[in-house]
């Protein structure tokens, strides 16, 4: 039997609007919410009472709140509304995270994993969940579902069937949400890894509250991207929006982590994984600096085209590279944007460096079930 590809918490459109506004504001009293959303006080009281009963929102401490009535007591999103799981396979290991309803990571877990079979992946996730639940006291009934981030693109007509990289070749063209959902007995969402990272970056403090639209460039083993437009993940006609790797064919030098590994190996440096790069930032500074300058020039094309097509409020540089390197790339792109003399006089997007780096993928996977609760699309 197929698992339902929808959130377990079904809210009305006004309830979803209140939750999203609270995520944007961080916290707000009922009177401000009513003003911002164009609702009267009685309606706002009724709607927020139902959200309080579901543990989706909670009242903040307000020492100056009036003794009678609570319209001025700020509300905020509660972490008690449910937990969501994110998981993604890596070469030789599996990464898993559990977030609360606010999107705060509660558990980060890694375990050895080296199977191309999605059913083995599901069994491994199940085993880790049982161990984590026993340690941390999670109740299975409060899980909103599992988001899975996988490298690859969607096939026409069914976004749960994907073409993936060789190391998970057994996932190719299978109905993944159904296959994994049946094995785990919970709703499952499948998303491209860069799109998942985009969702994580958008929900970071200082981003969701400032921008309606954000473009993310994710530099991992490959190069991918994702787009948030009007606070929704933009997927495109066939579910493959953000496949910026196609701008940089694999048989050429490209702005990716694997490319940097090749550059270092060609220089005679023994290195096996992206995790080792941080330890070489000082000793191999000139070589890495030259690679970084080349990558900034390459990514400038993606930044310019993304700006022209989507007019985002911000562009986030994310990825599995060391955070200092991501910051240098973001700074270099911001400088090129400032110095560009093309006569354009409107506002340009702010270019930001990720603060979560490689964990953006698995955190974003976990945010998919959370986002689905308030998403107008109800599913990603």
Protein backbone atom coordinates (compact mmCIF):
# COMPACT_ATOMS: atom_id res chain seq x y z
CA UNK A 1 0.00 0.00 0.00
CA UNK A 2 1.26 3.47 -0.84
CA UNK A 3 1.94 5.88 2.00
CA UNK A 4 0.05 9.19 1.78
CA UNK A 5 2.27 11.80 0.12
CA UNK A 6 0.91 14.64 2.23
CA UNK A 7 1.39 16.05 5.74
CA UNK A 8 -0.34 14.29 8.60
CA UNK A 9 -1.47 17.64 10.00
CA UNK A 10 -4.04 19.14 7.65
CA UNK A 11 -4.69 22.84 8.22
CA UNK A 12 -6.99 25.37 6.67
CA UNK A 13 -5.54 28.09 4.46
CA UNK A 14 -5.94 30.78 7.19
CA UNK A 15 -4.19 28.53 9.73
CA UNK A 16 -1.30 27.99 7.31
CA UNK A 17 -1.02 31.74 6.75
CA UNK A 18 -0.78 32.35 10.50
CA UNK A 19 1.96 29.74 10.92
CA UNK A 20 3.97 31.10 8.02
CA UNK A 21 3.62 34.66 9.32
CA UNK A 22 4.90 33.55 12.71
CA UNK A 23 7.91 31.91 11.05
CA UNK A 24 8.57 35.17 9.22
CA UNK A 25 8.07 37.39 12.27
CA UNK A 26 9.63 35.07 14.84
CA UNK A 27 6.85 36.02 17.23
CA UNK A 28 3.86 38.34 17.15
CA UNK A 29 0.73 39.08 19.22
CA UNK A 30 -2.70 38.20 17.87
CA UNK A 31 -3.50 41.84 17.20
CA UNK A 32 -0.50 42.24 14.89
CA UNK A 33 -1.25 38.94 13.13
CA UNK A 34 -4.84 40.03 12.56
CA UNK A 35 -3.64 43.34 11.08
CA UNK A 36 -1.00 41.74 8.84
CA UNK A 37 -3.30 39.00 7.56
CA UNK A 38 -6.46 41.08 7.22
CA UNK A 39 -8.51 39.15 9.77
CA UNK A 40 -10.77 40.36 12.55
CA UNK A 41 -9.95 39.74 16.19
CA UNK A 42 -12.59 37.08 16.76
CA UNK A 43 -11.42 35.04 13.79
CA UNK A 44 -7.80 35.34 14.87
CA UNK A 45 -8.67 34.20 18.40
CA UNK A 46 -10.54 31.16 17.10
CA UNK A 47 -7.79 30.16 14.69
CA UNK A 48 -4.96 30.60 17.17
CA UNK A 49 -6.85 28.62 19.81
CA UNK A 50 -6.97 25.66 17.43
CA UNK A 51 -3.26 26.02 16.66
CA UNK A 52 -2.48 26.19 20.39
CA UNK A 53 -4.50 23.01 20.93
CA UNK A 54 -2.44 21.25 18.25
CA UNK A 55 0.83 22.42 19.91
CA UNK A 56 1.79 24.15 16.68
CA UNK A 57 2.07 27.56 18.36
CA UNK A 58 2.74 28.66 21.91
CA UNK A 59 2.53 31.85 23.93
CA UNK A 60 5.77 33.64 24.65
CA UNK A 61 6.61 35.10 28.01
CA UNK A 62 5.12 38.60 28.17
CA UNK A 63 5.55 40.34 31.52
CA UNK A 64 3.68 43.40 30.35
CA UNK A 65 0.67 41.49 29.02
CA UNK A 66 -2.68 42.69 30.43
CA UNK A 67 -4.16 40.64 33.21
CA UNK A 68 -7.47 40.21 31.36
CA UNK A 69 -7.49 38.89 27.83
CA UNK A 70 -4.39 37.88 25.88
CA UNK A 71 -4.46 39.72 22.53
CA UNK A 72 -1.08 41.34 23.24
CA UNK A 73 0.72 38.16 24.35
CA UNK A 74 3.13 37.24 21.55
CA UNK A 75 2.69 33.87 19.87
CA UNK A 76 5.48 31.89 18.28
CA UNK A 77 5.85 28.58 16.47
CA UNK A 78 6.14 25.72 18.95
CA UNK A 79 8.61 22.90 18.64
CA UNK A 80 6.10 20.50 20.18
CA UNK A 81 3.86 20.17 17.13
CA UNK A 82 5.77 17.20 15.82
CA UNK A 83 9.15 15.96 14.71
CA UNK A 84 10.42 15.35 11.21
CA UNK A 85 13.21 13.15 9.92
CA UNK A 86 15.67 13.88 7.16
CA UNK A 87 17.99 11.29 5.64
CA UNK A 88 20.44 11.15 2.78
CA UNK A 89 22.94 8.53 1.52
CA UNK A 90 26.61 9.43 1.12
CA UNK A 91 29.47 7.34 -0.26
CA UNK A 92 29.98 4.80 2.53
CA UNK A 93 27.65 6.32 5.12
CA UNK A 94 24.12 7.47 5.86
CA UNK A 95 23.27 10.81 7.48
CA UNK A 96 20.10 11.37 9.49
CA UNK A 97 18.69 14.33 11.40
CA UNK A 98 15.56 14.92 13.45
CA UNK A 99 14.15 18.46 13.69
CA UNK A 100 11.30 19.80 15.80
CA UNK A 101 8.39 21.74 14.32
CA UNK A 102 10.37 24.99 14.57
CA UNK A 103 13.04 23.44 12.38
CA UNK A 104 15.60 23.18 15.18
CA UNK A 105 17.84 20.10 14.79
CA UNK A 106 17.50 17.83 17.83
CA UNK A 107 19.58 14.83 16.75
CA UNK A 108 22.29 14.43 14.12
CA UNK A 109 23.29 10.85 13.40
CA UNK A 110 25.68 9.10 11.01
CA UNK A 111 26.09 5.41 10.40
CA UNK A 112 28.06 3.24 7.95
CA UNK A 113 26.05 2.47 4.83
CA UNK A 114 27.13 1.22 1.43
CA UNK A 115 24.19 -0.35 -0.38
CA UNK A 116 22.56 0.70 -3.67
CA UNK A 117 19.24 -0.87 -2.56
CA UNK A 118 16.61 1.62 -1.28
CA UNK A 119 15.02 -1.10 0.85
CA UNK A 120 18.30 -1.57 2.71
CA UNK A 121 18.38 2.21 3.12
CA UNK A 122 14.89 2.10 4.65
CA UNK A 123 15.84 -0.72 7.03
CA UNK A 124 18.95 1.17 8.10
CA UNK A 125 16.92 4.34 8.75
CA UNK A 126 14.38 2.29 10.74
CA UNK A 127 17.10 0.73 12.88
CA UNK A 128 18.65 4.11 13.62
CA UNK A 129 15.24 5.62 14.45
CA UNK A 130 14.52 2.85 16.94
CA UNK A 131 17.87 3.39 18.64
CA UNK A 132 17.44 7.17 18.70
CA UNK A 133 13.86 6.93 20.00
CA UNK A 134 15.01 4.67 22.82
CA UNK A 135 17.75 7.12 23.78
CA UNK A 136 15.85 10.39 23.40
CA UNK A 137 12.28 9.36 24.11
CA UNK A 138 10.73 10.25 20.74
CA UNK A 139 7.19 8.97 20.26
CA UNK A 140 6.67 7.42 16.84
CA UNK A 141 3.18 8.88 16.55
CA UNK A 142 4.51 12.45 16.57
CA UNK A 143 6.73 12.02 13.51
CA UNK A 144 5.39 14.08 10.60
CA UNK A 145 7.26 11.95 8.12
CA UNK A 146 10.59 11.41 6.42
CA UNK A 147 12.24 13.61 3.82
CA UNK A 148 14.89 11.93 1.70
CA UNK A 149 17.45 13.91 -0.28
CA UNK A 150 19.03 12.05 -3.16
CA UNK A 151 21.39 13.27 -5.91
CA UNK A 152 19.65 13.01 -9.26
CA UNK A 153 16.79 14.41 -11.28
CA UNK A 154 13.11 13.57 -11.58
CA UNK A 155 11.61 11.61 -14.46
CA UNK A 156 8.67 13.09 -16.40
CA UNK A 157 5.28 12.46 -14.87
CA UNK A 158 6.36 11.20 -11.44
CA UNK A 159 8.70 13.17 -9.20
CA UNK A 160 9.24 10.19 -6.90
CA UNK A 161 10.95 8.30 -9.76
CA UNK A 162 14.42 9.62 -10.36
CA UNK A 163 17.63 9.12 -12.30
CA UNK A 164 20.36 8.96 -9.67
CA UNK A 165 24.12 8.65 -9.35
CA UNK A 166 25.84 5.28 -9.69
CA UNK A 167 26.43 4.69 -5.98
CA UNK A 168 22.64 4.42 -5.40
CA UNK A 169 21.86 2.89 -8.79
CA UNK A 170 19.23 0.64 -7.24
CA UNK A 171 17.05 3.73 -6.68
CA UNK A 172 16.76 4.39 -10.41
CA UNK A 173 13.19 4.73 -11.73
CA UNK A 174 11.56 3.17 -8.65
CA UNK A 175 8.52 4.82 -7.00
CA UNK A 176 10.71 5.88 -4.10
CA UNK A 177 8.08 7.55 -1.88
CA UNK A 178 5.95 4.42 -2.02
CA UNK A 179 8.87 1.99 -1.68
CA UNK A 180 10.41 3.75 1.34
CA UNK A 181 7.05 4.73 2.85
CA UNK A 182 5.80 1.14 2.84
CA UNK A 183 9.01 -0.05 4.47
CA UNK A 184 8.92 2.64 7.18
CA UNK A 185 5.14 2.93 7.56
CA UNK A 186 5.17 6.73 7.40
CA UNK A 187 4.75 9.47 4.79
CA UNK A 188 7.89 9.96 2.70
CA UNK A 189 8.92 12.85 0.46
CA UNK A 190 11.72 12.58 -2.12
CA UNK A 191 13.74 15.60 -3.20
CA UNK A 192 16.93 16.43 -5.04
CA UNK A 193 19.76 17.14 -2.60
CA UNK A 194 20.36 20.72 -3.76
CA UNK A 195 16.65 21.55 -3.56
CA UNK A 196 16.56 20.12 -0.04
CA UNK A 197 19.54 22.30 0.89
CA UNK A 198 17.66 25.29 -0.50
CA UNK A 199 14.77 24.66 1.89
CA UNK A 200 17.18 24.44 4.86
CA UNK A 201 18.95 27.65 3.90
CA UNK A 202 15.65 29.49 3.48
CA UNK A 203 14.43 28.53 6.96
CA UNK A 204 17.58 29.88 8.61
CA UNK A 205 17.11 32.86 10.95
CA UNK A 206 17.64 36.10 9.08
CA UNK A 207 16.61 34.65 5.73
CA UNK A 208 12.93 33.64 5.92
CA UNK A 209 12.12 36.84 7.81
CA UNK A 210 13.75 39.11 5.21
CA UNK A 211 13.21 37.55 1.78
CA UNK A 212 10.32 36.06 -0.17
CA UNK A 213 12.55 34.60 -2.87
CA UNK A 214 16.01 33.07 -2.54
CA UNK A 215 18.31 31.24 -4.94
CA UNK A 216 20.79 28.71 -3.51
CA UNK A 217 23.90 27.34 -5.19
CA UNK A 218 25.11 24.14 -3.55
CA UNK A 219 28.71 23.05 -4.13
CA UNK A 220 29.01 19.41 -3.14
CA UNK A 221 30.36 16.47 -5.06
CA UNK A 222 28.70 18.17 -8.00
CA UNK A 223 27.08 21.57 -8.40
CA UNK A 224 23.35 22.06 -7.91
CA UNK A 225 20.87 24.77 -7.17
CA UNK A 226 17.41 25.49 -5.88
CA UNK A 227 14.92 28.32 -5.91
CA UNK A 228 12.44 29.57 -3.33
CA UNK A 229 9.86 31.87 -4.92
CA UNK A 230 7.21 33.54 -2.77
CA UNK A 231 8.20 31.19 0.06
CA UNK A 232 7.56 28.04 -1.97
CA UNK A 233 10.13 25.68 -3.44
CA UNK A 234 10.02 26.27 -7.19
CA UNK A 235 10.31 22.91 -8.95
CA UNK A 236 9.68 23.69 -12.60
CA UNK A 237 7.51 21.91 -15.15
CA UNK A 238 9.31 18.57 -14.77
CA UNK A 239 10.55 18.91 -11.20
CA UNK A 240 14.14 19.75 -12.10
CA UNK A 241 14.48 23.50 -11.60
CA UNK A 242 17.93 24.42 -10.34
CA UNK A 243 19.93 21.84 -12.30
CA UNK A 244 22.73 24.37 -12.75
CA UNK A 245 25.28 21.58 -13.05
CA UNK A 246 24.29 21.41 -16.70
CA UNK A 247 26.01 24.77 -17.17
CA UNK A 248 29.31 23.12 -16.21
CA UNK A 249 29.76 19.80 -18.09
CA UNK A 250 31.63 17.15 -16.13
CA UNK A 251 34.40 16.72 -18.69
CA UNK A 252 35.51 20.32 -18.06
CA UNK A 253 36.77 22.07 -14.94
CA UNK A 254 33.71 22.90 -12.87
CA UNK A 255 32.86 24.56 -9.52
CA UNK A 256 32.42 21.42 -7.46
CA UNK A 257 34.00 19.67 -4.51
CA UNK A 258 35.10 16.72 -6.64
CA UNK A 259 36.81 19.15 -9.00
CA UNK A 260 38.81 20.55 -6.05
CA UNK A 261 39.79 17.02 -5.02
CA UNK A 262 41.09 16.42 -8.56
CA UNK A 263 43.08 19.67 -8.45
CA UNK A 264 44.68 18.68 -5.16
CA UNK A 265 45.42 15.13 -6.29
CA UNK A 266 46.97 16.39 -9.53
CA UNK A 267 49.30 18.45 -7.34
CA UNK A 268 50.43 15.27 -5.59
CA UNK A 269 48.34 15.59 -2.44
CA UNK A 270 46.82 12.40 -1.09
CA UNK A 271 43.19 13.21 -0.27
CA UNK A 272 40.13 10.97 -0.26
CA UNK A 273 37.16 13.09 0.81
CA UNK A 274 35.79 16.60 0.99
CA UNK A 275 36.03 16.42 4.78
CA UNK A 276 39.84 16.56 4.51
CA UNK A 277 39.94 19.88 2.62
CA UNK A 278 39.63 22.07 5.71
CA UNK A 279 42.91 20.71 7.05
CA UNK A 280 44.66 21.84 3.85
CA UNK A 281 43.41 25.45 3.72
CA UNK A 282 46.68 26.78 5.17
CA UNK A 283 49.27 24.38 3.81
CA UNK A 284 47.78 24.45 0.29
CA UNK A 285 46.61 28.05 0.44
CA UNK A 286 47.95 29.28 -2.95
CA UNK A 287 46.56 26.25 -4.81
CA UNK A 288 43.14 26.49 -3.16
CA UNK A 289 43.08 30.27 -3.64
CA UNK A 290 43.68 29.83 -7.39
CA UNK A 291 40.89 27.25 -7.56
CA UNK A 292 38.58 29.56 -5.59
CA UNK A 293 39.23 32.49 -7.97
CA UNK A 294 38.37 30.27 -10.92
CA UNK A 295 35.19 29.03 -9.22
CA UNK A 296 34.06 32.58 -8.44
CA UNK A 297 34.44 33.49 -12.12
CA UNK A 298 32.48 30.39 -13.15
CA UNK A 299 29.67 30.91 -10.65
CA UNK A 300 29.31 34.54 -11.68
CA UNK A 301 27.44 33.28 -14.75
CA UNK A 302 24.95 31.38 -12.58
CA UNK A 303 24.51 34.41 -10.29
CA UNK A 304 23.90 36.75 -13.22
CA UNK A 305 21.44 34.46 -14.96
CA UNK A 306 19.61 33.64 -11.73
CA UNK A 307 19.32 37.32 -10.92
CA UNK A 308 18.01 38.13 -14.40
CA UNK A 309 15.40 35.36 -14.43
CA UNK A 310 14.17 35.25 -10.82
CA UNK A 311 15.08 38.62 -9.22
CA UNK A 312 15.73 36.93 -5.85
CA UNK A 313 16.14 38.86 -2.62
CA UNK A 314 19.25 36.84 -1.79
CA UNK A 315 21.57 34.24 -3.25
CA UNK A 316 22.99 31.73 -0.76
CA UNK A 317 26.26 29.93 -1.43
CA UNK A 318 26.10 26.58 0.32
CA UNK A 319 27.76 23.21 0.02
CA UNK A 320 29.93 20.48 1.43
CA UNK A 321 33.08 22.60 1.28
CA UNK A 322 34.63 24.08 4.46
CA UNK A 323 32.67 27.10 5.67
CA UNK A 324 35.69 29.46 5.34
CA UNK A 325 35.91 28.49 1.67
CA UNK A 326 32.16 29.01 1.14
CA UNK A 327 32.51 32.44 2.76
CA UNK A 328 35.37 33.37 0.44
CA UNK A 329 33.37 32.33 -2.62
CA UNK A 330 30.32 34.29 -1.45
CA UNK A 331 32.45 37.37 -0.75
CA UNK A 332 34.09 37.14 -4.16
CA UNK A 333 30.75 36.87 -5.93
CA UNK A 334 29.36 39.81 -3.93
CA UNK A 335 32.35 41.94 -4.93
CA UNK A 336 31.94 41.06 -8.62
CA UNK A 337 28.27 41.97 -8.37
CA UNK A 338 29.05 45.36 -6.76
CA UNK A 339 31.73 46.22 -9.32
CA UNK A 340 29.77 45.17 -12.40
CA UNK A 341 29.24 48.21 -14.61
CA UNK A 342 26.30 47.24 -16.77
CA UNK A 343 24.06 50.23 -16.10
CA UNK A 344 21.56 48.22 -14.02
CA UNK A 345 20.13 50.52 -11.35
CA UNK A 346 17.62 48.35 -9.51
CA UNK A 347 18.33 46.43 -6.29
CA UNK A 348 20.64 43.46 -6.62
CA UNK A 349 20.31 40.35 -4.44
CA UNK A 350 22.40 40.06 -1.33
CA UNK A 351 24.91 37.23 -1.64
CA UNK A 352 25.15 35.22 1.57
CA UNK A 353 27.39 32.41 2.78
CA UNK A 354 25.76 29.39 4.38
CA UNK A 355 26.15 28.94 8.12
CA UNK A 356 25.24 25.23 8.05
CA UNK A 357 27.29 24.05 5.07
CA UNK A 358 27.22 20.32 4.36
CA UNK A 359 24.38 19.69 6.82
CA UNK A 360 22.04 21.80 4.70
CA UNK A 361 21.05 18.75 2.66
CA UNK A 362 19.91 16.52 5.52
CA UNK A 363 18.39 19.42 7.49
CA UNK A 364 16.51 20.46 4.36
CA UNK A 365 15.27 16.90 3.88
CA UNK A 366 13.86 17.01 7.42
CA UNK A 367 12.24 20.38 6.71
CA UNK A 368 10.21 18.97 3.81
CA UNK A 369 7.50 17.40 6.06
CA UNK A 370 7.52 20.53 8.25
CA UNK A 371 7.18 22.86 5.27
CA UNK A 372 4.40 20.70 3.84
CA UNK A 373 2.22 21.52 6.87
CA UNK A 374 2.17 25.22 6.00
CA UNK A 375 2.79 24.99 2.26
CA UNK A 376 -0.04 26.15 0.03
CA UNK A 377 0.95 23.28 -2.26
CA UNK A 378 0.51 20.76 0.58
CA UNK A 379 3.30 18.60 -0.78
CA UNK A 380 6.68 19.11 -2.38
